[in-house]
Amino acid sequence: MVLYHHGAAIQPCVTKHGKAFVARASILAEDGEATSLGNLGEFASQEGAFAFAVRSATAFVDGEPLPRSPFELAQAA
């Protein structure tokens, strides 16, 4: 699903990681510049991860600080 915010195309993405859902987002600005926000955090529900991806992407487009996720992904050793 692609959403539009202030002329930028936002593509939120949710993937499964074990029993959690990982939020991600990609942004295509009006000038054609593409940005990936990468892994934004883990969530207990798909809906929560999706909502967080949208919130993070709109904050990025607006030039605001990205929100902090409730959990961070564990780093592989």
C-alpha atoms as a PDB file:
ATOM      1  CA  MET A   1       0.000   0.000   0.000  1.00  0.00           C
ATOM      2  CA  VAL A   2       1.301   3.440  -0.911  1.00  0.00           C
ATOM      3  CA  LEU A   3       0.172   6.485   1.056  1.00  0.00           C
ATOM      4  CA  TYR A   4       0.814  10.136   0.200  1.00  0.00           C
ATOM      5  CA  HIS A   5       1.836  12.820   2.691  1.00  0.00           C
ATOM      6  CA  HIS A   6       2.750  16.356   1.609  1.00  0.00           C
ATOM      7  CA  GLY A   7       3.525  15.100  -1.896  1.00  0.00           C
ATOM      8  CA  ALA A   8       5.781  12.247  -0.759  1.00  0.00           C
ATOM      9  CA  ALA A   9       4.883   8.624  -1.461  1.00  0.00           C
ATOM     10  CA  ILE A  10       5.170   6.493   1.681  1.00  0.00           C
ATOM     11  CA  GLN A  11       5.279   2.716   1.568  1.00  0.00           C
ATOM     12  CA  PRO A  12       4.950   1.172   5.046  1.00  0.00           C
ATOM     13  CA  CYS A  13       5.960  -2.465   5.344  1.00  0.00           C
ATOM     14  CA  VAL A  14       5.529  -5.091   8.056  1.00  0.00           C
ATOM     15  CA  THR A  15       7.440  -8.369   8.174  1.00  0.00           C
ATOM     16  CA  LYS A  16       7.306 -11.265  10.614  1.00  0.00           C
ATOM     17  CA  HIS A  17      10.365 -11.874  12.838  1.00  0.00           C
ATOM     18  CA  GLY A  18       9.790 -14.858  15.119  1.00  0.00           C
ATOM     19  CA  LYS A  19       6.629 -14.041  17.058  1.00  0.00           C
ATOM     20  CA  ALA A  20       6.973 -10.292  16.518  1.00  0.00           C
ATOM     21  CA  PHE A  21       6.233  -7.949  13.619  1.00  0.00           C
ATOM     22  CA  VAL A  22       8.919  -5.592  12.296  1.00  0.00           C
ATOM     23  CA  ALA A  23       7.965  -2.113  11.053  1.00  0.00           C
ATOM     24  CA  ARG A  24       9.763  -0.629   8.028  1.00  0.00           C
ATOM     25  CA  ALA A  25       9.068   2.270   5.683  1.00  0.00           C
ATOM     26  CA  SER A  26      10.298   3.603   2.354  1.00  0.00           C
ATOM     27  CA  ILE A  27       9.723   7.151   1.150  1.00  0.00           C
ATOM     28  CA  LEU A  28       9.850   8.658  -2.332  1.00  0.00           C
ATOM     29  CA  ALA A  29       9.980  12.467  -2.177  1.00  0.00           C
ATOM     30  CA  GLU A  30       8.473  14.738  -4.820  1.00  0.00           C
ATOM     31  CA  ASP A  31      11.959  15.422  -6.211  1.00  0.00           C
ATOM     32  CA  GLY A  32      12.505  11.682  -6.776  1.00  0.00           C
ATOM     33  CA  GLU A  33      14.826  11.095  -3.806  1.00  0.00           C
ATOM     34  CA  ALA A  34      14.208   7.683  -2.241  1.00  0.00           C
ATOM     35  CA  THR A  35      14.808   6.971   1.452  1.00  0.00           C
ATOM     36  CA  SER A  36      14.482   3.745   3.410  1.00  0.00           C
ATOM     37  CA  LEU A  37      13.997   4.091   7.148  1.00  0.00           C
ATOM     38  CA  GLY A  38      15.038   0.463   7.637  1.00  0.00           C
ATOM     39  CA  ASN A  39      13.900  -1.572  10.638  1.00  0.00           C
ATOM     40  CA  LEU A  40      11.979   0.729  12.955  1.00  0.00           C
ATOM     41  CA  GLY A  41      11.275  -1.755  15.764  1.00  0.00           C
ATOM     42  CA  GLU A  42       9.372  -4.859  16.828  1.00  0.00           C
ATOM     43  CA  PHE A  43       5.690  -4.982  17.712  1.00  0.00           C
ATOM     44  CA  ALA A  44       3.272  -7.537  19.111  1.00  0.00           C
ATOM     45  CA  SER A  45       0.716  -6.964  16.354  1.00  0.00           C
ATOM     46  CA  GLN A  46       0.808  -6.378  12.621  1.00  0.00           C
ATOM     47  CA  GLU A  47      -1.520  -3.403  13.014  1.00  0.00           C
ATOM     48  CA  GLY A  48       0.739  -1.777  15.628  1.00  0.00           C
ATOM     49  CA  ALA A  49       3.794  -2.213  13.411  1.00  0.00           C
ATOM     50  CA  PHE A  50       1.983  -0.763  10.404  1.00  0.00           C
ATOM     51  CA  ALA A  51       0.724   2.256  12.355  1.00  0.00           C
ATOM     52  CA  PHE A  52       4.235   2.911  13.701  1.00  0.00           C
ATOM     53  CA  ALA A  53       5.740   2.695  10.202  1.00  0.00           C
ATOM     54  CA  VAL A  54       3.232   5.276   8.946  1.00  0.00           C
ATOM     55  CA  ARG A  55       3.835   7.553  11.955  1.00  0.00           C
ATOM     56  CA  SER A  56       7.610   7.334  11.492  1.00  0.00           C
ATOM     57  CA  ALA A  57       7.455   8.035   7.761  1.00  0.00           C
ATOM     58  CA  THR A  58       5.174  11.059   8.159  1.00  0.00           C
ATOM     59  CA  ALA A  59       7.476  12.437  10.872  1.00  0.00           C
ATOM     60  CA  PHE A  60      10.444  12.012   8.490  1.00  0.00           C
ATOM     61  CA  VAL A  61       8.612  13.827   5.677  1.00  0.00           C
ATOM     62  CA  ASP A  62       7.656  16.645   8.076  1.00  0.00           C
ATOM     63  CA  GLY A  63      11.266  16.996   9.268  1.00  0.00           C
ATOM     64  CA  GLU A  64      10.365  15.967  12.812  1.00  0.00           C
ATOM     65  CA  PRO A  65      12.313  13.528  15.010  1.00  0.00           C
ATOM     66  CA  LEU A  66      11.368   9.891  14.475  1.00  0.00           C
ATOM     67  CA  PRO A  67       9.365   8.370  17.325  1.00  0.00           C
ATOM     68  CA  ARG A  68      11.032   5.739  19.484  1.00  0.00           C
ATOM     69  CA  SER A  69       9.773   2.211  19.147  1.00  0.00           C
ATOM     70  CA  PRO A  70       8.694   0.308  22.258  1.00  0.00           C
ATOM     71  CA  PHE A  71      11.207  -2.509  21.531  1.00  0.00           C
ATOM     72  CA  GLU A  72      14.449  -2.757  19.590  1.00  0.00           C
ATOM     73  CA  LEU A  73      15.500  -5.670  17.407  1.00  0.00           C
ATOM     74  CA  ALA A  74      18.058  -7.962  19.014  1.00  0.00           C
ATOM     75  CA  GLN A  75      21.450  -7.731  17.311  1.00  0.00           C
ATOM     76  CA  ALA A  76      22.772 -10.962  15.829  1.00  0.00           C
ATOM     77  CA  ALA A  77      26.033 -12.133  17.384  1.00  0.00           C
END
